[in-house]
Amino acid sequence: MGGLVMPLLLKFDFLDGSSEEYRIPAEIWLLQNQEISKIFSLDKEAVQITLDPYLETADVDMSNNYFPAKQQMNRFELFRSRQGGAPAEENPMQRAKREPKTNSSN
């Protein structure tokens, strides 16, 4: 979408709980710049594949970075869940402000 050539950073999560990461250089796009295919021969059963697991590339659409697809909440759904759901966790500064001050000089 953005027109930039990026490397493919993949993380395979396996049924046994282990994972493997693969870094395919951007040169893979030299032969075909619209669509590529790559075959991985693995000894374990993969349960999830994540593209750019550590958000290292300039990805304009992160909703399609998972196989099988993961449903992600949009900004409105995140806002509503925080309003109607449990209150956000307090940080130490908020907790100190809420708690009554004790006079340590007496």
N, C-alpha and C. Protein backbone atom coordinates (compact mmCIF):
# COMPACT_ATOMS: atom_id res chain seq x y z
N MET A 1 0.82 -1.20 0.00
CA MET A 1 0.00 0.00 0.00
C MET A 1 0.85 1.26 0.00
N GLY A 2 1.88 1.27 0.82
CA GLY A 2 2.69 2.47 0.94
C GLY A 2 3.74 2.61 -0.14
N GLY A 3 4.00 1.55 -0.88
CA GLY A 3 4.96 1.61 -1.96
C GLY A 3 6.40 1.38 -1.53
N LEU A 4 6.64 1.13 -0.25
CA LEU A 4 7.99 0.88 0.22
C LEU A 4 8.30 -0.61 0.18
N VAL A 5 9.53 -0.92 -0.18
CA VAL A 5 9.99 -2.31 -0.16
C VAL A 5 10.50 -2.60 1.24
N MET A 6 9.94 -3.62 1.88
CA MET A 6 10.29 -3.96 3.26
C MET A 6 10.69 -5.42 3.35
N PRO A 7 11.55 -5.75 4.31
CA PRO A 7 11.84 -7.16 4.55
C PRO A 7 10.62 -7.85 5.16
N LEU A 8 10.61 -9.16 5.10
CA LEU A 8 9.54 -9.92 5.74
C LEU A 8 10.07 -10.47 7.05
N LEU A 9 9.45 -10.07 8.13
CA LEU A 9 9.81 -10.53 9.46
C LEU A 9 8.69 -11.43 9.95
N LEU A 10 8.96 -12.71 10.10
CA LEU A 10 7.92 -13.69 10.43
C LEU A 10 8.23 -14.40 11.74
N LYS A 11 7.18 -14.67 12.49
CA LYS A 11 7.31 -15.47 13.71
C LYS A 11 6.30 -16.60 13.63
N PHE A 12 6.79 -17.81 13.75
CA PHE A 12 5.93 -19.00 13.74
C PHE A 12 5.78 -19.47 15.18
N ASP A 13 4.55 -19.59 15.67
CA ASP A 13 4.27 -20.16 16.98
C ASP A 13 3.78 -21.58 16.77
N PHE A 14 4.35 -22.52 17.52
CA PHE A 14 4.06 -23.94 17.32
C PHE A 14 3.17 -24.50 18.40
N LEU A 15 2.60 -25.64 18.12
CA LEU A 15 1.68 -26.33 19.01
C LEU A 15 2.32 -26.66 20.36
N ASP A 16 3.63 -26.95 20.37
CA ASP A 16 4.30 -27.29 21.62
C ASP A 16 4.69 -26.07 22.46
N GLY A 17 4.31 -24.86 22.02
CA GLY A 17 4.60 -23.64 22.78
C GLY A 17 5.87 -22.93 22.36
N SER A 18 6.67 -23.55 21.52
CA SER A 18 7.91 -22.91 21.07
C SER A 18 7.62 -21.99 19.87
N SER A 19 8.60 -21.22 19.48
CA SER A 19 8.44 -20.34 18.33
C SER A 19 9.78 -20.19 17.61
N GLU A 20 9.70 -19.82 16.34
CA GLU A 20 10.89 -19.55 15.53
C GLU A 20 10.65 -18.28 14.75
N GLU A 21 11.71 -17.51 14.54
CA GLU A 21 11.61 -16.27 13.78
C GLU A 21 12.45 -16.37 12.52
N TYR A 22 11.93 -15.80 11.45
CA TYR A 22 12.63 -15.77 10.16
C TYR A 22 12.67 -14.33 9.67
N ARG A 23 13.83 -13.93 9.15
CA ARG A 23 14.00 -12.60 8.57
C ARG A 23 14.38 -12.77 7.11
N ILE A 24 13.48 -12.39 6.23
CA ILE A 24 13.71 -12.51 4.80
C ILE A 24 14.00 -11.11 4.28
N PRO A 25 15.18 -10.90 3.69
CA PRO A 25 15.56 -9.55 3.25
C PRO A 25 14.63 -8.98 2.18
N ALA A 26 14.63 -7.68 2.04
CA ALA A 26 13.75 -6.98 1.10
C ALA A 26 14.03 -7.36 -0.34
N GLU A 27 15.19 -7.94 -0.62
CA GLU A 27 15.51 -8.34 -1.99
C GLU A 27 14.56 -9.40 -2.54
N ILE A 28 13.77 -10.02 -1.69
CA ILE A 28 12.80 -11.01 -2.16
C ILE A 28 11.80 -10.38 -3.14
N TRP A 29 11.61 -9.07 -3.04
CA TRP A 29 10.66 -8.37 -3.90
C TRP A 29 11.24 -8.01 -5.27
N LEU A 30 12.53 -8.31 -5.53
CA LEU A 30 13.15 -7.93 -6.80
C LEU A 30 12.51 -8.61 -8.00
N LEU A 31 12.20 -9.88 -7.89
CA LEU A 31 11.64 -10.62 -9.03
C LEU A 31 10.17 -10.28 -9.30
N GLN A 32 9.43 -10.03 -8.26
CA GLN A 32 8.01 -9.72 -8.40
C GLN A 32 7.66 -8.72 -7.31
N ASN A 33 7.17 -7.55 -7.67
CA ASN A 33 6.94 -6.52 -6.65
C ASN A 33 5.50 -6.44 -6.15
N GLN A 34 4.60 -7.28 -6.65
CA GLN A 34 3.22 -7.26 -6.19
C GLN A 34 2.88 -8.42 -5.25
N GLU A 35 3.45 -9.59 -5.55
CA GLU A 35 3.10 -10.79 -4.78
C GLU A 35 4.28 -11.76 -4.83
N ILE A 36 4.59 -12.36 -3.71
CA ILE A 36 5.66 -13.35 -3.66
C ILE A 36 5.15 -14.58 -2.92
N SER A 37 5.86 -15.68 -3.06
CA SER A 37 5.54 -16.88 -2.28
C SER A 37 6.84 -17.46 -1.75
N LYS A 38 6.77 -18.07 -0.61
CA LYS A 38 7.93 -18.67 0.06
C LYS A 38 7.44 -19.92 0.76
N ILE A 39 8.16 -21.00 0.59
CA ILE A 39 7.78 -22.27 1.22
C ILE A 39 8.67 -22.51 2.43
N PHE A 40 8.06 -22.84 3.55
CA PHE A 40 8.78 -23.18 4.78
C PHE A 40 8.52 -24.64 5.09
N SER A 41 9.57 -25.41 5.22
CA SER A 41 9.46 -26.81 5.58
C SER A 41 9.85 -26.93 7.05
N LEU A 42 8.86 -27.15 7.90
CA LEU A 42 9.08 -27.16 9.35
C LEU A 42 8.74 -28.54 9.92
N ASP A 43 9.42 -28.92 11.00
CA ASP A 43 9.19 -30.22 11.62
C ASP A 43 8.02 -30.20 12.61
N LYS A 44 7.55 -29.00 12.98
CA LYS A 44 6.49 -28.88 13.97
C LYS A 44 5.25 -28.28 13.33
N GLU A 45 4.12 -28.45 14.01
CA GLU A 45 2.86 -27.89 13.53
C GLU A 45 2.72 -26.45 14.02
N ALA A 46 2.59 -25.52 13.08
CA ALA A 46 2.42 -24.11 13.42
C ALA A 46 0.96 -23.83 13.74
N VAL A 47 0.72 -23.08 14.80
CA VAL A 47 -0.64 -22.70 15.17
C VAL A 47 -0.91 -21.24 14.83
N GLN A 48 0.15 -20.43 14.71
CA GLN A 48 -0.03 -19.03 14.34
C GLN A 48 1.23 -18.52 13.64
N ILE A 49 1.03 -17.66 12.66
CA ILE A 49 2.13 -16.99 11.97
C ILE A 49 1.89 -15.50 12.11
N THR A 50 2.90 -14.77 12.55
CA THR A 50 2.78 -13.34 12.74
C THR A 50 3.79 -12.62 11.84
N LEU A 51 3.31 -11.66 11.09
CA LEU A 51 4.16 -10.82 10.25
C LEU A 51 4.55 -9.59 11.07
N ASP A 52 5.83 -9.31 11.13
CA ASP A 52 6.36 -8.16 11.87
C ASP A 52 5.92 -8.18 13.34
N PRO A 53 6.31 -9.22 14.09
CA PRO A 53 5.83 -9.37 15.46
C PRO A 53 6.28 -8.27 16.42
N TYR A 54 7.38 -7.59 16.12
CA TYR A 54 7.88 -6.54 17.02
C TYR A 54 7.68 -5.14 16.45
N LEU A 55 6.83 -5.02 15.43
CA LEU A 55 6.48 -3.73 14.81
C LEU A 55 7.71 -2.95 14.39
N GLU A 56 8.59 -3.60 13.64
CA GLU A 56 9.84 -3.00 13.20
C GLU A 56 9.73 -2.32 11.84
N THR A 57 8.69 -2.56 11.09
CA THR A 57 8.57 -2.00 9.75
C THR A 57 7.47 -0.94 9.72
N ALA A 58 7.42 -0.19 8.64
CA ALA A 58 6.41 0.86 8.46
C ALA A 58 5.16 0.24 7.84
N ASP A 59 4.43 -0.52 8.61
CA ASP A 59 3.24 -1.21 8.12
C ASP A 59 2.03 -0.29 8.27
N VAL A 60 1.30 -0.06 7.17
CA VAL A 60 0.14 0.83 7.21
C VAL A 60 -1.13 0.11 7.63
N ASP A 61 -1.15 -1.21 7.55
CA ASP A 61 -2.35 -1.98 7.92
C ASP A 61 -1.93 -3.20 8.72
N MET A 62 -1.96 -3.08 10.04
CA MET A 62 -1.53 -4.18 10.89
C MET A 62 -2.64 -5.20 11.15
N SER A 63 -3.82 -4.97 10.63
CA SER A 63 -4.92 -5.91 10.86
C SER A 63 -4.72 -7.22 10.10
N ASN A 64 -3.85 -7.24 9.10
CA ASN A 64 -3.65 -8.46 8.32
C ASN A 64 -2.30 -9.11 8.61
N ASN A 65 -1.76 -8.92 9.79
CA ASN A 65 -0.44 -9.45 10.14
C ASN A 65 -0.49 -10.81 10.82
N TYR A 66 -1.64 -11.43 10.93
CA TYR A 66 -1.77 -12.69 11.64
C TYR A 66 -2.44 -13.75 10.77
N PHE A 67 -1.96 -14.98 10.91
CA PHE A 67 -2.65 -16.12 10.32
C PHE A 67 -2.68 -17.22 11.35
N PRO A 68 -3.84 -17.74 11.73
CA PRO A 68 -5.15 -17.28 11.33
C PRO A 68 -5.41 -15.86 11.83
N ALA A 69 -6.33 -15.18 11.17
CA ALA A 69 -6.61 -13.77 11.46
C ALA A 69 -7.03 -13.59 12.91
N LYS A 70 -6.56 -12.50 13.50
CA LYS A 70 -6.93 -12.12 14.86
C LYS A 70 -7.87 -10.94 14.78
N GLN A 71 -8.94 -10.99 15.57
CA GLN A 71 -9.85 -9.85 15.59
C GLN A 71 -9.25 -8.81 16.52
N GLN A 72 -9.13 -7.59 16.02
CA GLN A 72 -8.58 -6.51 16.82
C GLN A 72 -9.64 -5.45 17.05
N MET A 73 -9.62 -4.86 18.23
CA MET A 73 -10.58 -3.81 18.55
C MET A 73 -10.12 -2.50 17.91
N ASN A 74 -11.09 -1.75 17.37
CA ASN A 74 -10.75 -0.44 16.84
C ASN A 74 -10.71 0.57 17.98
N ARG A 75 -10.36 1.79 17.71
CA ARG A 75 -10.20 2.80 18.76
C ARG A 75 -11.50 3.05 19.52
N PHE A 76 -12.63 3.03 18.82
CA PHE A 76 -13.91 3.25 19.47
C PHE A 76 -14.23 2.11 20.44
N GLU A 77 -13.99 0.87 20.01
CA GLU A 77 -14.26 -0.27 20.89
C GLU A 77 -13.34 -0.24 22.12
N LEU A 78 -12.10 0.15 21.94
CA LEU A 78 -11.19 0.29 23.08
C LEU A 78 -11.70 1.33 24.06
N PHE A 79 -12.16 2.47 23.55
CA PHE A 79 -12.69 3.54 24.39
C PHE A 79 -13.91 3.07 25.17
N ARG A 80 -14.84 2.41 24.47
CA ARG A 80 -16.06 1.92 25.13
C ARG A 80 -15.75 0.89 26.20
N SER A 81 -14.79 0.01 25.95
CA SER A 81 -14.47 -1.02 26.93
C SER A 81 -13.89 -0.40 28.20
N ARG A 82 -13.17 0.69 28.06
CA ARG A 82 -12.60 1.35 29.24
C ARG A 82 -13.65 2.15 29.99
N GLN A 83 -14.65 2.69 29.28
CA GLN A 83 -15.70 3.48 29.92
C GLN A 83 -16.68 2.59 30.69
N GLY A 84 -17.12 1.51 30.06
CA GLY A 84 -18.13 0.67 30.67
C GLY A 84 -17.56 -0.46 31.50
N GLY A 85 -16.33 -0.81 31.27
CA GLY A 85 -15.73 -1.95 31.94
C GLY A 85 -15.04 -1.54 33.23
N ALA A 86 -14.10 -2.33 33.63
CA ALA A 86 -13.35 -2.06 34.86
C ALA A 86 -12.53 -0.79 34.68
N PRO A 87 -12.33 -0.05 35.75
CA PRO A 87 -11.53 1.16 35.65
C PRO A 87 -10.08 0.82 35.29
N ALA A 88 -9.43 1.76 34.67
CA ALA A 88 -8.03 1.56 34.31
C ALA A 88 -7.19 1.42 35.56
N GLU A 89 -6.15 0.65 35.48
CA GLU A 89 -5.28 0.42 36.61
C GLU A 89 -4.59 1.73 37.01
N GLU A 90 -4.54 1.99 38.31
CA GLU A 90 -3.90 3.21 38.81
C GLU A 90 -2.39 3.09 38.72
N ASN A 91 -1.76 4.20 38.38
CA ASN A 91 -0.31 4.21 38.45
C ASN A 91 0.10 4.74 39.83
N PRO A 92 1.36 4.60 40.24
CA PRO A 92 1.77 5.02 41.59
C PRO A 92 1.48 6.49 41.90
N MET A 93 1.58 7.37 40.91
CA MET A 93 1.32 8.78 41.14
C MET A 93 -0.16 9.02 41.46
N GLN A 94 -1.06 8.36 40.73
CA GLN A 94 -2.49 8.50 40.99
C GLN A 94 -2.84 7.95 42.37
N ARG A 95 -2.23 6.83 42.73
CA ARG A 95 -2.50 6.22 44.03
C ARG A 95 -2.04 7.14 45.17
N ALA A 96 -0.87 7.76 45.02
CA ALA A 96 -0.35 8.67 46.05
C ALA A 96 -1.24 9.89 46.19
N LYS A 97 -1.79 10.38 45.10
CA LYS A 97 -2.66 11.55 45.14
C LYS A 97 -3.98 11.21 45.83
N ARG A 98 -4.49 10.00 45.61
CA ARG A 98 -5.78 9.57 46.18
C ARG A 98 -5.68 9.30 47.68
N GLU A 99 -4.58 8.73 48.13
CA GLU A 99 -4.42 8.37 49.53
C GLU A 99 -4.24 9.61 50.40
N PRO A 100 -4.82 9.60 51.61
CA PRO A 100 -4.68 10.78 52.49
C PRO A 100 -3.22 10.94 52.91
N LYS A 101 -2.82 12.20 52.98
CA LYS A 101 -1.44 12.49 53.37
C LYS A 101 -1.30 12.36 54.88
N THR A 102 -0.20 11.79 55.30
CA THR A 102 0.09 11.69 56.73
C THR A 102 1.19 12.68 57.06
N ASN A 103 1.07 13.27 58.21
CA ASN A 103 2.03 14.27 58.63
C ASN A 103 3.16 13.57 59.35
N SER A 104 4.33 13.46 58.74
CA SER A 104 5.44 12.74 59.34
C SER A 104 6.26 13.60 60.28
N SER A 105 5.97 14.92 60.39
CA SER A 105 6.77 15.78 61.27
C SER A 105 6.30 15.71 62.70
N ASN A 106 5.11 15.13 63.00
CA ASN A 106 4.60 15.05 64.38
C ASN A 106 5.11 13.81 65.07
